[in-house]
Protein backbone atom coordinates (compact mmCIF):
# COMPACT_ATOMS: atom_id res chain seq x y z
CA MET A 1 0.00 0.00 0.00
CA LYS A 2 2.84 2.38 0.83
CA LYS A 3 4.40 1.77 -2.58
CA TYR A 4 1.13 2.46 -4.41
CA GLY A 5 0.53 5.55 -2.26
CA SER A 6 3.87 7.10 -3.27
CA ILE A 7 3.24 6.31 -6.95
CA THR A 8 -0.22 7.89 -6.74
CA LEU A 9 1.19 11.01 -5.07
CA ILE A 10 3.90 11.44 -7.70
CA SER A 11 1.37 10.89 -10.48
CA LEU A 12 -0.95 13.55 -9.04
CA MET A 13 1.95 16.01 -8.73
CA MET A 14 3.00 15.44 -12.34
CA LEU A 15 -0.60 15.80 -13.54
CA SER A 16 -1.00 19.03 -11.57
CA LEU A 17 2.24 20.42 -13.02
CA MET A 18 1.13 19.57 -16.53
CA CYS A 19 -2.20 21.36 -15.99
CA LEU A 20 -0.41 24.42 -14.62
CA MET A 21 1.93 24.48 -17.61
CA LEU A 22 -1.06 24.37 -19.94
CA LEU A 23 -2.62 27.28 -18.04
CA PHE A 24 0.54 29.41 -18.20
CA PRO A 25 2.22 28.51 -21.52
CA SER A 26 3.90 31.89 -22.10
CA GLU A 27 5.40 31.90 -18.58
CA VAL A 28 6.72 28.37 -19.09
CA PHE A 29 8.27 29.38 -22.41
CA ARG A 30 10.03 32.43 -20.93
CA ALA A 31 11.29 30.42 -17.96
CA SER A 32 12.59 27.68 -20.26
CA ILE A 33 14.47 30.25 -22.36
CA LYS A 34 15.99 31.63 -19.16
CA GLY A 35 17.01 28.11 -18.08
CA VAL A 36 18.66 27.46 -21.44
CA ALA A 37 20.58 30.74 -21.12
CA ILE A 38 21.84 29.77 -17.66
CA TRP A 39 22.94 26.38 -18.97
CA TRP A 40 24.69 27.75 -22.07
CA ASP A 41 26.28 30.86 -20.55
CA VAL A 42 27.34 29.45 -17.16
CA LEU A 43 27.04 25.69 -16.72
CA PHE A 44 28.31 24.43 -20.06
CA PRO A 45 31.66 26.30 -20.02
CA ALA A 46 32.12 25.67 -16.29
CA LEU A 47 31.40 21.92 -16.30
CA PHE A 48 32.04 20.35 -19.70
CA PRO A 49 35.87 20.64 -19.81
CA PHE A 50 36.14 19.18 -16.32
CA PHE A 51 33.84 16.29 -17.20
CA VAL A 52 36.17 15.38 -20.07
CA ILE A 53 39.34 15.86 -18.01
CA ALA A 54 37.98 13.70 -15.17
CA GLU A 55 37.14 10.89 -17.61
CA MET A 56 40.62 11.02 -19.11
CA MET A 57 42.30 11.04 -15.71
CA LEU A 58 40.39 7.94 -14.68
CA GLY A 59 41.39 6.19 -17.88
CA VAL A 60 45.12 6.94 -17.72
CA GLY A 61 45.35 6.09 -14.01
CA ILE A 62 46.14 9.55 -12.60
CA VAL A 63 43.26 9.16 -10.17
CA HIS A 64 44.80 5.96 -8.82
CA PHE A 65 48.17 7.72 -8.52
CA PHE A 66 46.71 10.41 -6.26
CA GLY A 67 44.64 7.81 -4.46
CA THR A 68 47.70 5.89 -3.34
CA LEU A 69 49.50 9.06 -2.22
CA LEU A 70 46.53 10.39 -0.24
CA ASP A 71 45.36 7.10 1.26
CA PRO A 72 47.27 7.59 4.58
CA LEU A 73 45.48 10.94 5.04
CA MET A 74 41.98 10.32 3.69
CA ARG A 75 41.29 7.12 5.62
CA PRO A 76 41.99 8.34 9.18
CA VAL A 77 40.49 11.82 8.62
CA PHE A 78 37.49 11.18 6.35
CA ARG A 79 37.19 7.35 6.44
CA ILE A 80 37.30 7.17 2.65
CA PRO A 81 39.98 5.71 0.36
CA GLY A 82 42.79 7.97 -0.79
CA ILE A 83 41.27 8.07 -4.26
CA GLY A 84 38.56 10.23 -2.70
CA GLY A 85 41.09 13.07 -2.45
CA PHE A 86 40.96 13.45 -6.22
CA VAL A 87 37.15 13.61 -6.07
CA VAL A 88 37.39 16.34 -3.42
CA ALA A 89 39.70 18.43 -5.61
CA MET A 90 37.63 17.94 -8.77
CA GLY A 91 34.37 18.54 -6.90
CA PHE A 92 35.62 21.87 -5.57
CA ALA A 93 37.15 22.90 -8.91
CA ALA A 94 34.32 21.92 -11.27
CA GLY A 95 31.33 22.16 -8.92
CA TYR A 96 28.16 20.15 -8.76
CA PRO A 97 27.45 17.50 -9.93
CA ILE A 98 30.94 16.25 -10.83
CA GLY A 99 31.54 14.92 -7.29
CA ALA A 100 28.54 12.62 -7.67
CA ARG A 101 29.65 11.57 -11.16
CA LEU A 102 33.14 10.59 -10.01
CA THR A 103 31.77 8.86 -6.91
CA ALA A 104 29.46 6.76 -9.09
CA GLN A 105 32.40 5.82 -11.31
CA LEU A 106 34.49 4.80 -8.30
CA TRP A 107 31.56 2.70 -7.08
CA ASP A 108 31.34 1.03 -10.52
CA GLN A 109 35.02 0.10 -10.24
CA LYS A 110 34.44 -1.19 -6.68
CA LEU A 111 36.90 1.34 -5.28
CA VAL A 112 34.36 2.58 -2.69
CA ASN A 113 31.50 0.85 -0.89
CA ARG A 114 28.10 2.35 -0.08
CA GLU A 115 29.04 4.11 3.17
CA GLU A 116 32.27 5.48 1.70
CA GLY A 117 30.43 6.70 -1.38
CA GLU A 118 27.77 8.41 0.72
CA ARG A 119 30.44 10.13 2.80
CA LEU A 120 32.29 11.23 -0.31
CA VAL A 121 29.35 12.64 -2.27
CA SER A 122 28.04 14.43 0.83
CA PHE A 123 30.86 16.98 0.97
CA THR A 124 32.17 17.03 -2.61
CA THR A 125 28.87 18.42 -3.95
CA SER A 126 29.87 22.07 -3.96
CA SER A 127 29.78 25.15 -6.15
CA ASP A 128 32.58 25.78 -8.61
CA PRO A 129 34.74 28.91 -8.11
CA ILE A 130 33.75 30.51 -11.41
CA PHE A 131 30.07 30.47 -10.39
CA LEU A 132 30.78 31.57 -6.82
CA ILE A 133 33.08 34.41 -7.90
CA GLY A 134 31.80 35.41 -11.32
CA ALA A 135 28.06 34.80 -11.08
CA VAL A 136 27.30 35.29 -7.38
CA SER A 137 29.90 37.75 -6.05
CA ILE A 138 30.31 39.89 -9.17
CA GLY A 139 27.13 39.23 -11.16
CA PHE A 140 24.52 39.17 -8.39
CA PHE A 141 26.11 41.18 -5.55
CA HIS A 142 28.32 43.45 -7.73
CA ASP A 143 31.09 43.11 -5.12
CA ALA A 144 34.10 40.92 -5.94
CA GLY A 145 35.37 41.40 -2.39
CA LEU A 146 32.64 39.10 -1.09
CA ALA A 147 34.24 36.16 -2.91
CA GLY A 148 36.67 35.50 -0.03
CA ILE A 149 33.95 35.33 2.61
CA LEU A 150 31.67 33.19 0.44
CA ALA A 151 34.47 30.83 -0.61
CA THR A 152 35.80 30.38 2.93
CA ALA A 153 32.33 29.76 4.32
CA HIS A 154 31.34 27.42 1.50
CA TYR A 155 34.49 25.31 1.02
CA GLY A 156 35.64 25.48 4.64
CA THR A 157 32.37 24.11 5.99
CA ALA A 158 32.39 21.49 3.22
CA MET A 159 35.67 20.11 4.58
CA LEU A 160 34.30 20.30 8.12
CA LEU A 161 31.22 18.40 6.95
CA GLY A 162 33.50 15.75 5.46
CA ILE A 163 35.18 15.25 8.84
CA MET A 164 31.77 15.04 10.52
CA MET A 165 30.54 12.51 7.94
CA ARG A 166 33.31 10.11 8.94
CA TYR A 167 30.92 9.00 11.68
CA HIS A 168 28.27 8.10 9.12
CA GLY A 169 27.88 4.34 8.91
CA ARG A 170 30.15 3.64 11.90
CA LYS A 171 28.35 0.37 12.66
CA SER A 172 28.89 -0.90 9.14
CA PRO A 173 32.18 -2.77 8.73
CA ILE A 174 34.50 -1.33 6.11
CA PRO A 175 35.66 -4.16 3.83
CA ALA A 176 39.36 -4.42 3.22
CA LEU A 177 40.55 -3.34 -0.18
CA GLN A 178 41.89 -5.93 -2.55
CA PRO A 179 45.66 -6.26 -2.21
CA GLY A 180 47.78 -4.79 -4.92
CA PRO A 181 50.45 -2.22 -5.58
CA GLN A 182 47.91 0.59 -5.29
CA THR A 183 46.58 -0.45 -1.88
CA ASP A 184 49.32 -2.42 -0.18
CA SER A 185 50.22 -0.01 2.60
CA THR A 186 52.56 -2.57 4.16
CA SER A 187 54.78 -2.75 1.11
CA SER A 188 58.42 -1.90 1.66
CA GLN A 189 58.38 0.26 -1.48
CA PRO A 190 58.26 4.05 -1.06
CA ILE A 191 54.77 5.47 -1.34
CA TRP A 192 55.60 7.44 -4.49
CA LEU A 193 56.76 4.24 -6.21
CA ARG A 194 53.56 2.44 -5.17
CA ALA A 195 51.62 5.39 -6.59
CA PHE A 196 53.31 5.01 -9.99
CA ASN A 197 52.71 1.26 -9.89
CA ALA A 198 49.03 1.89 -9.15
CA MET A 199 48.78 4.30 -12.10
CA HIS A 200 50.48 1.81 -14.43
CA THR A 201 48.23 -1.05 -13.27
CA ALA A 202 45.09 1.04 -13.78
CA ARG A 203 46.22 2.10 -17.27
CA MET A 204 46.94 -1.49 -18.30
CA LYS A 205 43.59 -2.63 -16.89
CA ASP A 206 41.74 0.05 -18.87
CA GLY A 207 43.53 -0.81 -22.10
CA ARG A 208 41.76 1.69 -24.38
CA PRO A 209 43.81 3.63 -26.95
CA LEU A 210 44.13 7.33 -26.16
CA GLY A 211 41.97 8.37 -29.12
CA GLU A 212 39.16 6.01 -28.15
CA MET A 213 39.40 7.18 -24.55
CA LEU A 214 39.05 10.82 -25.62
CA LYS A 215 36.12 10.01 -27.90
CA GLN A 216 34.24 8.19 -25.13
CA ALA A 217 35.05 10.95 -22.63
CA VAL A 218 33.61 13.63 -24.91
CA THR A 219 30.55 11.53 -25.76
CA SER A 220 29.67 10.68 -22.16
CA SER A 221 30.39 14.24 -21.01
CA LEU A 222 28.10 15.70 -23.67
CA SER A 223 25.36 13.29 -22.62
CA LEU A 224 25.72 14.32 -18.98
CA ILE A 225 25.85 18.06 -19.69
CA PHE A 226 22.58 17.79 -21.65
CA VAL A 227 20.97 16.00 -18.69
CA VAL A 228 22.15 18.81 -16.42
CA GLY A 229 20.76 21.40 -18.82
CA GLY A 230 17.42 19.62 -19.11
CA LEU A 231 16.98 19.55 -15.35
CA VAL A 232 17.86 23.25 -15.05
CA VAL A 233 15.28 24.13 -17.72
CA PHE A 234 12.65 21.90 -16.09
CA PHE A 235 13.07 23.39 -12.63
CA SER A 236 13.09 26.91 -14.05
CA ALA A 237 9.71 26.19 -15.65
CA VAL A 238 8.37 24.60 -12.45
CA MET A 239 9.42 27.62 -10.42
CA GLU A 240 7.70 29.98 -12.83
CA VAL A 241 4.36 28.13 -12.94
CA LEU A 242 4.31 27.80 -9.15
CA ALA A 243 4.89 31.54 -8.86
CA SER A 244 2.29 32.34 -11.52
CA ALA A 245 -0.30 30.16 -9.76
CA HIS A 246 0.57 31.85 -6.42
CA ILE A 247 1.45 28.46 -4.94
CA MET A 248 4.84 29.84 -3.93
CA ASN A 249 3.01 32.00 -1.37
CA ILE A 250 2.53 28.84 0.68
CA PHE A 251 6.30 28.30 0.70
CA TYR A 252 6.86 31.92 1.69
CA ILE A 253 4.61 31.55 4.75
CA GLY A 254 6.51 28.49 5.97
CA ILE A 255 9.89 30.05 5.24
CA ASN A 256 8.93 33.26 7.04
CA ALA A 257 8.20 31.25 10.17
CA VAL A 258 11.66 29.68 10.00
CA LEU A 259 13.45 32.97 9.26
CA GLN A 260 11.82 34.59 12.28
CA GLN A 261 13.47 31.99 14.51
CA PHE A 262 16.90 33.10 13.22
CA ASP A 263 16.10 36.86 13.22
CA VAL A 264 16.64 36.97 9.46
CA PRO A 265 14.77 39.70 7.51
CA LEU A 266 11.56 38.27 6.07
CA ALA A 267 12.24 39.99 2.75
CA LEU A 268 14.77 37.21 2.05
CA SER A 269 12.07 34.53 2.02
CA GLN A 270 11.87 34.70 -1.78
CA ALA A 271 15.61 34.00 -2.05
CA VAL A 272 15.29 30.96 0.23
CA ALA A 273 12.22 29.67 -1.64
CA ASN A 274 13.88 30.11 -5.04
CA GLY A 275 17.10 28.56 -3.76
CA PHE A 276 15.20 25.57 -2.43
CA PHE A 277 14.45 24.66 -6.05
CA GLU A 278 17.31 26.18 -8.08
CA VAL A 279 20.60 27.56 -6.78
CA THR A 280 21.07 30.23 -9.45
CA LEU A 281 17.63 31.76 -8.92
CA GLY A 282 18.07 31.72 -5.14
CA ALA A 283 21.50 33.36 -5.20
CA LYS A 284 20.27 35.97 -7.67
CA ALA A 285 17.27 36.79 -5.46
CA ALA A 286 19.57 37.14 -2.43
CA GLY A 287 21.87 39.54 -4.28
CA GLY A 288 18.96 41.58 -5.58
CA ALA A 289 17.11 41.87 -2.27
CA GLY A 290 16.25 45.32 -0.92
CA ALA A 291 19.04 47.76 -0.10
CA GLN A 292 17.61 48.21 3.40
CA ILE A 293 18.55 44.60 4.27
CA PRO A 294 22.01 44.32 5.90
CA LEU A 295 24.52 42.87 3.44
CA VAL A 296 25.68 40.19 5.87
CA TYR A 297 22.21 38.60 5.88
CA LYS A 298 22.04 38.56 2.09
CA VAL A 299 25.48 36.96 1.85
CA ALA A 300 24.58 34.41 4.54
CA ILE A 301 21.44 33.41 2.63
CA ALA A 302 23.49 33.12 -0.58
CA ALA A 303 25.96 30.86 1.26
CA PHE A 304 23.07 28.70 2.46
CA VAL A 305 21.63 28.44 -1.05
CA LEU A 306 25.03 27.57 -2.58
CA SER A 307 25.55 24.81 -0.02
CA TRP A 308 22.01 23.41 -0.15
CA ALA A 309 22.41 23.45 -3.96
CA GLY A 310 18.69 23.34 -4.81
CA LEU A 311 16.44 20.47 -5.85
CA SER A 312 17.69 20.88 -9.42
CA VAL A 313 21.19 19.77 -8.36
CA HIS A 314 19.68 17.13 -6.09
CA ALA A 315 17.89 15.69 -9.12
CA GLN A 316 21.16 15.71 -11.08
CA VAL A 317 22.91 13.83 -8.27
CA VAL A 318 20.09 11.29 -7.96
CA SER A 319 20.19 10.66 -11.72
CA LEU A 320 23.95 10.02 -11.52
CA LEU A 321 23.68 7.72 -8.50
CA GLN A 322 20.63 5.75 -9.66
CA ARG A 323 22.74 2.80 -10.82
CA THR A 324 24.49 2.55 -7.44
CA ASP A 325 23.23 1.53 -4.00
CA LEU A 326 23.96 4.98 -2.53
CA ARG A 327 20.95 6.47 -0.71
CA TYR A 328 19.47 9.92 -1.18
CA LEU A 329 18.55 10.63 2.46
CA PRO A 330 22.16 10.94 3.78
CA PHE A 331 22.95 13.25 0.86
CA CYS A 332 19.88 15.42 1.49
CA LEU A 333 20.61 15.74 5.21
CA SER A 334 24.25 16.59 4.51
CA ARG A 335 23.17 19.35 2.10
CA LEU A 336 20.92 20.83 4.77
CA ALA A 337 23.71 20.61 7.36
CA HIS A 338 26.19 22.20 4.94
CA GLY A 339 23.76 25.03 4.26
CA LEU A 340 23.23 25.80 7.94
CA MET A 341 26.97 25.61 8.64
CA ALA A 342 27.82 27.94 5.75
CA PHE A 343 25.06 30.35 6.86
CA THR A 344 26.57 30.48 10.37
CA ALA A 345 30.14 30.73 9.05
CA VAL A 346 29.34 33.96 7.17
CA PHE A 347 28.42 35.70 10.43
CA LEU A 348 31.56 34.37 12.13
CA LEU A 349 33.82 35.45 9.25
CA TRP A 350 32.16 38.77 8.42
CA GLU A 351 34.12 41.09 10.70
CA PRO A 352 37.51 39.27 10.64
CA MET A 353 37.55 39.20 6.81
CA GLN A 354 36.42 42.76 6.14
CA SER A 355 40.02 43.86 5.60
CA THR A 356 40.41 41.38 2.72
CA ARG A 357 37.44 42.62 0.70
CA SER A 358 39.21 45.52 -1.02
CA THR A 359 42.27 43.38 -1.74
CA LEU A 360 40.19 40.64 -3.33
CA ALA A 361 38.16 43.14 -5.31
CA ALA A 362 41.37 44.39 -6.91
CA MET A 363 42.65 40.86 -7.61
CA VAL A 364 39.51 39.41 -9.20
CA PRO A 365 39.01 40.53 -12.82
CA ASP A 366 35.72 42.03 -13.95
CA MET A 367 33.37 39.47 -15.44
CA ASP A 368 29.79 39.57 -16.63
CA VAL A 369 27.70 36.40 -16.44
CA THR A 370 26.10 37.41 -19.75
CA SER A 371 29.49 37.57 -21.49
CA PRO A 372 30.01 35.52 -24.66
CA LEU A 373 30.87 31.87 -24.18
CA THR A 374 34.49 32.32 -25.33
CA THR A 375 35.01 35.06 -22.73
CA LEU A 376 33.67 32.89 -19.92
CA TRP A 377 35.96 30.03 -20.91
CA GLN A 378 38.97 32.31 -20.37
CA PHE A 379 37.99 32.65 -16.70
CA THR A 380 36.53 29.18 -16.13
CA LEU A 381 39.59 27.07 -16.81
CA PRO A 382 42.18 29.18 -14.92
CA TRP A 383 40.04 29.52 -11.79
CA GLY A 384 38.94 25.90 -11.89
CA LEU A 385 42.48 24.62 -12.36
CA LEU A 386 43.70 26.97 -9.62
CA THR A 387 41.13 25.52 -7.23
CA PHE A 388 42.07 21.95 -8.18
CA VAL A 389 45.78 22.61 -7.62
CA SER A 390 45.08 24.45 -4.36
CA VAL A 391 43.04 21.59 -2.93
CA MET A 392 45.63 19.01 -3.96
CA LEU A 393 48.42 21.10 -2.39
CA ALA A 394 46.38 21.52 0.80
CA LEU A 395 45.87 17.76 0.98
CA ALA A 396 49.60 17.24 0.37
CA VAL A 397 50.46 19.61 3.23
CA LEU A 398 48.03 17.78 5.51
CA LEU A 399 49.62 14.50 4.46
CA CYS A 400 53.08 15.81 5.38
CA LEU A 401 51.78 17.02 8.74
CA TYR A 402 50.24 13.61 9.30
CA TYR A 403 53.59 11.90 8.75
CA VAL A 404 55.39 14.41 10.99
CA VAL A 405 52.91 13.93 13.83
CA LYS A 406 53.06 10.17 13.36
CA GLN A 407 56.85 10.13 13.64
CA CYS A 408 56.77 12.42 16.69
CA MET A 409 54.26 10.17 18.41
CA LYS A 410 56.43 7.14 17.72
CA ARG A 411 59.46 8.82 19.30
CA LEU A 412 57.45 9.90 22.35
CA ILE A 413 56.11 6.40 22.84
C-alpha cells in the first residue's frame, strides 16, 4: 500500500504540473528560455571541460596515482579511500554535480562501498569557483570582495562536513581493499613508487587507446551536460508556474516562520524559496534583495543556497547515482547541514575578513555572467584549475603534517 501511495502522489503532482503548464504557456516558455541561457552561458563552459578531463584522468590512471598518495590521510580523517582526495579536488574545482559523477564511477570500479560513497558525495557536492566568484559575487552582488567570505564559508564548511561525515555508517564494517600495488600499505616500497605502480596497473587494466578514450570521454560528457541542462530548464519552468499560480506564497509563509526563529529579515524569504528549487535563482534573489537589508544577511542566505544546492542539483545527483546503491537521504541531510553551517560561518567570518574585501576586489578581474561563451571560458579554466591545484596542495600539506605527527608520536612512545 505504501508503494502504491507514493506512486499515486507522484502521479498527481506530475498531472498538476502539466495542468499548470497548460494554463501558463507563455510563462513556461520564458522560464525555459531563461534556463537554457543559464545552462549555455554558465554551466556548459564551467562543467564540460572538467567532465572530459575527469574521464581522461580515470582512464590513464592519474586518479589511482593520487589515491595511493593520499590514502594515509583520507582514511583516518574522512574514512574514505585515498582516491577520494581526487574527487574532493575535482568537486571543488568543477562544482556540482561532478563529485557525484566521479563517486558513481568509483563505485562502478568497486573502489568505494556504499558508506564510503555516501560520505564522499556528501561533501564534494559544492559550487565551482567561477560560479561563486563570477556569477554570485560579481554578477549578483556586484562586489568581488565578497568572494573571499563566500568561498571560505562554502568550502571550509564542506571540509568540516567531510570530517563530521566520517561518523556516518560507523556500525557498518569497512571491507578491506583488494591487495595490490595501489593499496598495499605494508609494502616496503616508497609510497611514491607504489603510486606510480598503481597508475600503471590502472592504465593497463583500462587498455583503451588514447583516441578512443578521448572520444568516449567527450561523448559521455556531452550526454551528462545535456541532462544537467534539461533539469535546469525543467526546474526553471516549475518555479515559474508555481509563482504564476501563487502556490509559492505557501512556501513563503513556511519560510517566514523559520526565518523569524533566526532573526533573518523576512524579505529574504523569496531568495530561500527560489534557492530551495534552483541555486542560481536563489543566489540571484539574495543579491537583488532590498538595499535596506544588511549585506551580511544577504550573503549568509546566498551561502546557504550555494551549499544546499537546490532540488535541481539534487535531481542531477540522484540521476547520476541511480545505478548505485547509494541512498538519497544521507545526501539530502548533509546538504541541509552544509547550508546551515555555511550560513553560520558567514556571520563568524564577516568582521575578521572585512580587511580582505578591497584586496580581493582588486585581484579578481571584472566578469559579466552574460558575457560571450568564449570570454567565460577564459575565466573558467584558470580559476577551476587553480582551485584543483590548491586543494591538492592543501591535501599534500596535511599528508606531510600527518607523517610528521606520526613520527613524533612514535618517538614519544
